Amino acid sequence: MREIQLKDAKATLSAVVDQAVRGNPAVITRHGRRQAVVLSYEEYEKLSHVPSFGQLLAAFPGEEGDIPARAGKPPRAVDL
């Protein structure tokens, strides 16, 4: 994914959008820091409908017996 400075993106916005529609999104930087991404609406739609991990777990199609029982071992020590 290419990076483009904000001032250059402003000057060539039509070209930046055309590239995004063709499948070449751009990262917009301001003062050397990544600030935004220009991508096609189609790509945005795909990304906006990705389910969360919790939704995937809740939608698990199996039955209770499909998940093995947890071991009776005590939890391991964790250094903080």
N, C-alpha and C. Protein backbone atom coordinates (compact mmCIF):
# COMPACT_ATOMS: atom_id res chain seq x y z
N MET A 1 0.86 -1.17 0.00
CA MET A 1 0.00 0.00 0.00
C MET A 1 0.91 1.23 0.00
N ARG A 2 0.64 2.14 -0.88
CA ARG A 2 1.49 3.32 -0.97
C ARG A 2 1.10 4.36 0.06
N GLU A 3 2.06 5.18 0.43
CA GLU A 3 1.82 6.29 1.35
C GLU A 3 1.92 7.59 0.56
N ILE A 4 1.07 8.52 0.90
CA ILE A 4 1.06 9.81 0.23
C ILE A 4 0.83 10.89 1.29
N GLN A 5 1.56 11.98 1.16
CA GLN A 5 1.41 13.08 2.10
C GLN A 5 0.07 13.77 1.88
N LEU A 6 -0.48 14.31 2.94
CA LEU A 6 -1.79 14.95 2.87
C LEU A 6 -1.84 16.05 1.81
N LYS A 7 -0.81 16.87 1.76
CA LYS A 7 -0.82 17.97 0.77
C LYS A 7 -0.84 17.43 -0.66
N ASP A 8 -0.15 16.31 -0.90
CA ASP A 8 -0.17 15.71 -2.23
C ASP A 8 -1.52 15.04 -2.52
N ALA A 9 -2.11 14.44 -1.49
CA ALA A 9 -3.42 13.81 -1.67
C ALA A 9 -4.48 14.86 -2.00
N LYS A 10 -4.38 16.02 -1.37
CA LYS A 10 -5.33 17.11 -1.67
C LYS A 10 -5.20 17.54 -3.12
N ALA A 11 -3.96 17.67 -3.57
CA ALA A 11 -3.71 18.16 -4.92
C ALA A 11 -4.13 17.16 -6.00
N THR A 12 -4.11 15.87 -5.65
CA THR A 12 -4.41 14.84 -6.65
C THR A 12 -5.52 13.90 -6.17
N LEU A 13 -6.50 14.45 -5.49
CA LEU A 13 -7.55 13.62 -4.89
C LEU A 13 -8.24 12.71 -5.90
N SER A 14 -8.56 13.21 -7.07
CA SER A 14 -9.23 12.38 -8.08
C SER A 14 -8.38 11.17 -8.44
N ALA A 15 -7.09 11.36 -8.61
CA ALA A 15 -6.20 10.26 -8.95
C ALA A 15 -6.08 9.27 -7.80
N VAL A 16 -6.04 9.77 -6.57
CA VAL A 16 -5.95 8.90 -5.39
C VAL A 16 -7.21 8.03 -5.31
N VAL A 17 -8.37 8.63 -5.53
CA VAL A 17 -9.64 7.88 -5.50
C VAL A 17 -9.69 6.87 -6.65
N ASP A 18 -9.28 7.28 -7.83
CA ASP A 18 -9.27 6.35 -8.98
C ASP A 18 -8.39 5.14 -8.69
N GLN A 19 -7.23 5.36 -8.10
CA GLN A 19 -6.34 4.26 -7.75
C GLN A 19 -6.99 3.34 -6.72
N ALA A 20 -7.66 3.91 -5.73
CA ALA A 20 -8.33 3.11 -4.70
C ALA A 20 -9.42 2.24 -5.32
N VAL A 21 -10.18 2.80 -6.25
CA VAL A 21 -11.24 2.04 -6.91
C VAL A 21 -10.66 0.88 -7.71
N ARG A 22 -9.46 1.07 -8.25
CA ARG A 22 -8.80 0.01 -9.01
C ARG A 22 -8.11 -1.01 -8.11
N GLY A 23 -8.22 -0.85 -6.80
CA GLY A 23 -7.65 -1.83 -5.88
C GLY A 23 -6.32 -1.45 -5.30
N ASN A 24 -5.93 -0.19 -5.41
CA ASN A 24 -4.67 0.29 -4.86
C ASN A 24 -4.93 1.37 -3.81
N PRO A 25 -5.26 0.98 -2.57
CA PRO A 25 -5.54 1.98 -1.55
C PRO A 25 -4.27 2.77 -1.20
N ALA A 26 -4.46 3.90 -0.54
CA ALA A 26 -3.34 4.75 -0.16
C ALA A 26 -3.46 5.15 1.31
N VAL A 27 -2.33 5.18 1.98
CA VAL A 27 -2.26 5.68 3.35
C VAL A 27 -1.92 7.16 3.26
N ILE A 28 -2.70 7.99 3.93
CA ILE A 28 -2.46 9.42 3.95
C ILE A 28 -1.67 9.74 5.21
N THR A 29 -0.54 10.44 5.02
CA THR A 29 0.29 10.81 6.17
C THR A 29 0.24 12.32 6.37
N ARG A 30 0.39 12.70 7.63
CA ARG A 30 0.48 14.12 7.99
C ARG A 30 1.63 14.24 8.97
N HIS A 31 2.60 15.07 8.63
CA HIS A 31 3.81 15.24 9.44
C HIS A 31 4.51 13.91 9.66
N GLY A 32 4.49 13.04 8.64
CA GLY A 32 5.18 11.76 8.70
C GLY A 32 4.46 10.67 9.47
N ARG A 33 3.27 10.95 9.97
CA ARG A 33 2.50 9.96 10.75
C ARG A 33 1.28 9.53 9.96
N ARG A 34 1.01 8.25 9.96
CA ARG A 34 -0.16 7.71 9.25
C ARG A 34 -1.44 8.20 9.91
N GLN A 35 -2.31 8.79 9.10
CA GLN A 35 -3.52 9.40 9.64
C GLN A 35 -4.81 8.80 9.09
N ALA A 36 -4.81 8.37 7.82
CA ALA A 36 -6.05 7.89 7.20
C ALA A 36 -5.71 6.95 6.05
N VAL A 37 -6.74 6.24 5.57
CA VAL A 37 -6.58 5.35 4.43
C VAL A 37 -7.70 5.65 3.44
N VAL A 38 -7.34 5.72 2.17
CA VAL A 38 -8.34 5.87 1.11
C VAL A 38 -8.45 4.51 0.43
N LEU A 39 -9.63 3.91 0.48
CA LEU A 39 -9.87 2.65 -0.18
C LEU A 39 -11.22 2.67 -0.86
N SER A 40 -11.46 1.72 -1.74
CA SER A 40 -12.72 1.71 -2.48
C SER A 40 -13.88 1.43 -1.53
N TYR A 41 -15.05 1.88 -1.93
CA TYR A 41 -16.25 1.64 -1.12
C TYR A 41 -16.51 0.13 -1.02
N GLU A 42 -16.25 -0.59 -2.09
CA GLU A 42 -16.44 -2.04 -2.09
C GLU A 42 -15.57 -2.70 -1.02
N GLU A 43 -14.31 -2.29 -0.93
CA GLU A 43 -13.41 -2.83 0.07
C GLU A 43 -13.85 -2.44 1.48
N TYR A 44 -14.31 -1.21 1.64
CA TYR A 44 -14.84 -0.74 2.92
C TYR A 44 -16.03 -1.60 3.36
N GLU A 45 -16.93 -1.89 2.44
CA GLU A 45 -18.09 -2.72 2.75
C GLU A 45 -17.66 -4.10 3.26
N LYS A 46 -16.67 -4.70 2.61
CA LYS A 46 -16.18 -6.01 3.05
C LYS A 46 -15.64 -5.93 4.46
N LEU A 47 -14.85 -4.90 4.74
CA LEU A 47 -14.23 -4.77 6.06
C LEU A 47 -15.23 -4.42 7.15
N SER A 48 -16.27 -3.69 6.81
CA SER A 48 -17.23 -3.26 7.83
C SER A 48 -18.16 -4.38 8.27
N HIS A 49 -18.19 -5.49 7.54
CA HIS A 49 -19.09 -6.58 7.89
C HIS A 49 -18.35 -7.79 8.46
N VAL A 50 -17.11 -7.61 8.86
CA VAL A 50 -16.36 -8.71 9.46
C VAL A 50 -16.86 -8.88 10.89
N PRO A 51 -17.30 -10.09 11.26
CA PRO A 51 -17.81 -10.28 12.62
C PRO A 51 -16.70 -10.23 13.66
N SER A 52 -17.07 -9.86 14.87
CA SER A 52 -16.11 -9.85 15.97
C SER A 52 -15.83 -11.28 16.42
N PHE A 53 -14.78 -11.46 17.17
CA PHE A 53 -14.44 -12.79 17.68
C PHE A 53 -15.57 -13.31 18.56
N GLY A 54 -16.16 -12.44 19.36
CA GLY A 54 -17.27 -12.84 20.22
C GLY A 54 -18.48 -13.32 19.41
N GLN A 55 -18.76 -12.65 18.29
CA GLN A 55 -19.87 -13.07 17.44
C GLN A 55 -19.58 -14.43 16.82
N LEU A 56 -18.33 -14.66 16.43
CA LEU A 56 -17.97 -15.96 15.87
C LEU A 56 -18.13 -17.07 16.91
N LEU A 57 -17.71 -16.80 18.14
CA LEU A 57 -17.86 -17.80 19.20
C LEU A 57 -19.34 -18.08 19.49
N ALA A 58 -20.13 -17.02 19.54
CA ALA A 58 -21.56 -17.18 19.83
C ALA A 58 -22.27 -17.95 18.72
N ALA A 59 -21.75 -17.89 17.51
CA ALA A 59 -22.38 -18.56 16.38
C ALA A 59 -21.85 -19.98 16.18
N PHE A 60 -21.05 -20.50 17.11
CA PHE A 60 -20.48 -21.84 16.98
C PHE A 60 -21.60 -22.85 16.76
N PRO A 61 -21.56 -23.59 15.65
CA PRO A 61 -22.67 -24.47 15.30
C PRO A 61 -22.67 -25.80 16.04
N GLY A 62 -21.63 -26.11 16.77
CA GLY A 62 -21.51 -27.41 17.43
C GLY A 62 -22.39 -27.52 18.67
N GLU A 63 -22.27 -28.69 19.28
CA GLU A 63 -23.01 -28.94 20.52
C GLU A 63 -22.04 -28.92 21.68
N GLU A 64 -22.57 -28.92 22.88
CA GLU A 64 -21.73 -28.80 24.06
C GLU A 64 -20.68 -29.90 24.14
N GLY A 65 -20.99 -31.09 23.70
CA GLY A 65 -20.05 -32.20 23.76
C GLY A 65 -18.90 -32.10 22.75
N ASP A 66 -19.02 -31.19 21.81
CA ASP A 66 -17.96 -31.01 20.80
C ASP A 66 -16.71 -30.36 21.37
N ILE A 67 -16.86 -29.66 22.48
CA ILE A 67 -15.73 -28.96 23.08
C ILE A 67 -15.18 -29.83 24.22
N PRO A 68 -13.89 -30.19 24.17
CA PRO A 68 -13.33 -31.05 25.21
C PRO A 68 -13.34 -30.34 26.57
N ALA A 69 -13.46 -31.15 27.61
CA ALA A 69 -13.45 -30.60 28.97
C ALA A 69 -12.07 -30.06 29.30
N ARG A 70 -12.03 -29.05 30.14
CA ARG A 70 -10.76 -28.46 30.55
C ARG A 70 -10.03 -29.41 31.49
N ALA A 71 -8.72 -29.39 31.43
CA ALA A 71 -7.91 -30.20 32.33
C ALA A 71 -8.08 -29.70 33.76
N GLY A 72 -7.95 -30.59 34.71
CA GLY A 72 -8.12 -30.22 36.11
C GLY A 72 -6.88 -29.61 36.72
N LYS A 73 -5.89 -29.30 35.91
CA LYS A 73 -4.64 -28.73 36.42
C LYS A 73 -4.86 -27.33 36.94
N PRO A 74 -4.08 -26.94 37.95
CA PRO A 74 -4.18 -25.54 38.41
C PRO A 74 -3.56 -24.62 37.36
N PRO A 75 -3.98 -23.37 37.34
CA PRO A 75 -3.43 -22.45 36.34
C PRO A 75 -1.94 -22.21 36.57
N ARG A 76 -1.24 -21.91 35.51
CA ARG A 76 0.20 -21.69 35.62
C ARG A 76 0.46 -20.31 36.21
N ALA A 77 1.62 -20.16 36.83
CA ALA A 77 2.01 -18.88 37.42
C ALA A 77 2.43 -17.92 36.31
N VAL A 78 2.06 -16.68 36.47
CA VAL A 78 2.39 -15.66 35.49
C VAL A 78 3.14 -14.54 36.19
N ASP A 79 4.31 -14.19 35.66
CA ASP A 79 5.06 -13.06 36.23
C ASP A 79 4.50 -11.76 35.69
N LEU A 80 4.22 -10.83 36.58
CA LEU A 80 3.69 -9.53 36.15
C LEU A 80 4.73 -8.48 36.22
